[in-house]
Amino acid sequence: VLVRSDNNGVVHPLNNGRSRSQATNDVLKRIYLSMARHQVLLNAVYVPSRDNIADALSRG
């Protein structure tokens, strides 16, 4: 699964599997357990906001 995000606060923890935030780490643990259960790999890449076609949709 390729995740494209304009938020490095999302990209780096997804790729590294850890964050400084305990709440984020709790979510990452659930994501990684689900990925392992379903044998799915994930890669997150940074996309600048101006190039992120989903950005306008997420803002209404």
N, C-alpha and C. Protein backbone atom coordinates (compact mmCIF):
# COMPACT_ATOMS: atom_id res chain seq x y z
N VAL A 1 0.85 -1.16 0.00
CA VAL A 1 0.00 0.00 0.00
C VAL A 1 0.90 1.23 0.00
N LEU A 2 0.64 2.13 -0.92
CA LEU A 2 1.39 3.38 -0.98
C LEU A 2 0.53 4.49 -0.39
N VAL A 3 1.03 5.13 0.65
CA VAL A 3 0.35 6.26 1.28
C VAL A 3 1.07 7.52 0.85
N ARG A 4 0.34 8.45 0.29
CA ARG A 4 0.91 9.75 -0.09
C ARG A 4 0.29 10.79 0.82
N SER A 5 1.14 11.56 1.48
CA SER A 5 0.66 12.54 2.44
C SER A 5 1.51 13.80 2.38
N ASP A 6 0.86 14.94 2.65
CA ASP A 6 1.59 16.20 2.73
C ASP A 6 1.94 16.53 4.18
N ASN A 7 1.91 15.51 5.03
CA ASN A 7 2.18 15.69 6.45
C ASN A 7 3.33 14.78 6.87
N ASN A 8 4.52 15.37 7.07
CA ASN A 8 5.67 14.58 7.50
C ASN A 8 5.46 13.95 8.87
N GLY A 9 4.57 14.53 9.66
CA GLY A 9 4.24 13.95 10.95
C GLY A 9 3.51 12.63 10.82
N VAL A 10 3.02 12.34 9.64
CA VAL A 10 2.39 11.06 9.33
C VAL A 10 3.38 10.16 8.58
N VAL A 11 4.06 10.73 7.60
CA VAL A 11 4.96 9.95 6.74
C VAL A 11 6.07 9.27 7.53
N HIS A 12 6.78 10.03 8.34
CA HIS A 12 7.93 9.46 9.05
C HIS A 12 7.54 8.37 10.05
N PRO A 13 6.54 8.57 10.89
CA PRO A 13 6.16 7.48 11.80
C PRO A 13 5.66 6.23 11.06
N LEU A 14 4.93 6.41 9.96
CA LEU A 14 4.47 5.24 9.22
C LEU A 14 5.65 4.44 8.68
N ASN A 15 6.66 5.13 8.18
CA ASN A 15 7.82 4.43 7.63
C ASN A 15 8.75 3.87 8.71
N ASN A 16 8.85 4.58 9.83
CA ASN A 16 9.78 4.17 10.89
C ASN A 16 9.14 3.25 11.93
N GLY A 17 7.81 3.27 11.99
CA GLY A 17 7.12 2.42 12.95
C GLY A 17 7.12 2.96 14.37
N ARG A 18 7.52 4.22 14.52
CA ARG A 18 7.52 4.80 15.87
C ARG A 18 7.43 6.32 15.79
N SER A 19 7.02 6.90 16.90
CA SER A 19 6.84 8.34 17.01
C SER A 19 7.21 8.78 18.42
N ARG A 20 7.36 10.05 18.62
CA ARG A 20 7.58 10.57 19.98
C ARG A 20 6.28 10.57 20.78
N SER A 21 5.17 10.53 20.07
CA SER A 21 3.85 10.58 20.70
C SER A 21 3.36 9.18 21.06
N GLN A 22 3.01 8.97 22.31
CA GLN A 22 2.50 7.67 22.73
C GLN A 22 1.19 7.35 22.03
N ALA A 23 0.33 8.35 21.85
CA ALA A 23 -0.94 8.12 21.17
C ALA A 23 -0.71 7.66 19.73
N THR A 24 0.25 8.28 19.05
CA THR A 24 0.59 7.87 17.69
C THR A 24 1.16 6.47 17.68
N ASN A 25 2.01 6.16 18.65
CA ASN A 25 2.57 4.81 18.74
C ASN A 25 1.49 3.76 18.95
N ASP A 26 0.47 4.09 19.71
CA ASP A 26 -0.64 3.16 19.92
C ASP A 26 -1.36 2.87 18.60
N VAL A 27 -1.56 3.91 17.80
CA VAL A 27 -2.20 3.73 16.49
C VAL A 27 -1.28 2.96 15.56
N LEU A 28 0.01 3.29 15.56
CA LEU A 28 0.97 2.58 14.71
C LEU A 28 1.00 1.09 15.03
N LYS A 29 0.92 0.76 16.30
CA LYS A 29 0.93 -0.64 16.70
C LYS A 29 -0.25 -1.38 16.08
N ARG A 30 -1.42 -0.76 16.12
CA ARG A 30 -2.61 -1.37 15.53
C ARG A 30 -2.46 -1.51 14.02
N ILE A 31 -1.89 -0.48 13.38
CA ILE A 31 -1.68 -0.53 11.93
C ILE A 31 -0.73 -1.66 11.58
N TYR A 32 0.41 -1.74 12.28
CA TYR A 32 1.41 -2.75 11.96
C TYR A 32 0.93 -4.16 12.26
N LEU A 33 0.14 -4.34 13.32
CA LEU A 33 -0.44 -5.66 13.60
C LEU A 33 -1.41 -6.08 12.50
N SER A 34 -2.21 -5.15 12.04
CA SER A 34 -3.14 -5.44 10.95
C SER A 34 -2.40 -5.74 9.66
N MET A 35 -1.33 -4.99 9.39
CA MET A 35 -0.53 -5.25 8.19
C MET A 35 0.06 -6.65 8.23
N ALA A 36 0.58 -7.05 9.37
CA ALA A 36 1.17 -8.38 9.51
C ALA A 36 0.11 -9.46 9.35
N ARG A 37 -1.04 -9.24 9.95
CA ARG A 37 -2.13 -10.21 9.88
C ARG A 37 -2.57 -10.44 8.43
N HIS A 38 -2.58 -9.38 7.65
CA HIS A 38 -3.06 -9.46 6.26
C HIS A 38 -1.92 -9.54 5.25
N GLN A 39 -0.70 -9.63 5.74
CA GLN A 39 0.50 -9.72 4.90
C GLN A 39 0.55 -8.58 3.88
N VAL A 40 0.42 -7.37 4.40
CA VAL A 40 0.43 -6.16 3.59
C VAL A 40 1.65 -5.33 3.97
N LEU A 41 2.29 -4.75 2.98
CA LEU A 41 3.39 -3.83 3.21
C LEU A 41 2.91 -2.41 2.97
N LEU A 42 3.48 -1.47 3.68
CA LEU A 42 3.07 -0.08 3.57
C LEU A 42 4.31 0.77 3.35
N ASN A 43 4.19 1.74 2.46
CA ASN A 43 5.24 2.72 2.24
C ASN A 43 4.58 4.08 2.16
N ALA A 44 5.07 5.03 2.93
CA ALA A 44 4.52 6.38 2.91
C ALA A 44 5.53 7.32 2.26
N VAL A 45 5.02 8.20 1.42
CA VAL A 45 5.87 9.19 0.76
C VAL A 45 5.27 10.58 0.96
N TYR A 46 6.16 11.55 1.05
CA TYR A 46 5.73 12.94 1.21
C TYR A 46 5.37 13.52 -0.15
N VAL A 47 4.23 14.19 -0.20
CA VAL A 47 3.79 14.90 -1.40
C VAL A 47 3.49 16.34 -0.97
N PRO A 48 4.13 17.33 -1.58
CA PRO A 48 3.82 18.72 -1.22
C PRO A 48 2.33 19.01 -1.39
N SER A 49 1.78 19.86 -0.55
CA SER A 49 0.35 20.18 -0.59
C SER A 49 -0.11 20.60 -1.98
N ARG A 50 0.69 21.39 -2.66
CA ARG A 50 0.29 21.88 -3.98
C ARG A 50 0.16 20.74 -5.00
N ASP A 51 0.84 19.62 -4.75
CA ASP A 51 0.79 18.47 -5.66
C ASP A 51 -0.15 17.37 -5.16
N ASN A 52 -0.76 17.58 -4.01
CA ASN A 52 -1.61 16.56 -3.40
C ASN A 52 -3.05 16.76 -3.87
N ILE A 53 -3.48 15.96 -4.84
CA ILE A 53 -4.82 16.16 -5.41
C ILE A 53 -5.93 15.87 -4.40
N ALA A 54 -5.65 15.09 -3.38
CA ALA A 54 -6.67 14.78 -2.37
C ALA A 54 -6.81 15.90 -1.35
N ASP A 55 -5.88 16.83 -1.32
CA ASP A 55 -5.90 17.88 -0.31
C ASP A 55 -7.17 18.73 -0.38
N ALA A 56 -7.55 19.13 -1.57
CA ALA A 56 -8.75 19.96 -1.72
C ALA A 56 -10.00 19.20 -1.27
N LEU A 57 -10.05 17.91 -1.55
CA LEU A 57 -11.20 17.10 -1.14
C LEU A 57 -11.30 17.00 0.37
N SER A 58 -10.16 16.94 1.05
CA SER A 58 -10.18 16.81 2.51
C SER A 58 -10.54 18.12 3.20
N ARG A 59 -10.49 19.21 2.47
CA ARG A 59 -10.80 20.52 3.06
C ARG A 59 -12.22 20.99 2.74
N GLY A 60 -12.96 20.19 2.01
CA GLY A 60 -14.36 20.52 1.72
C GLY A 60 -14.45 21.34 0.54
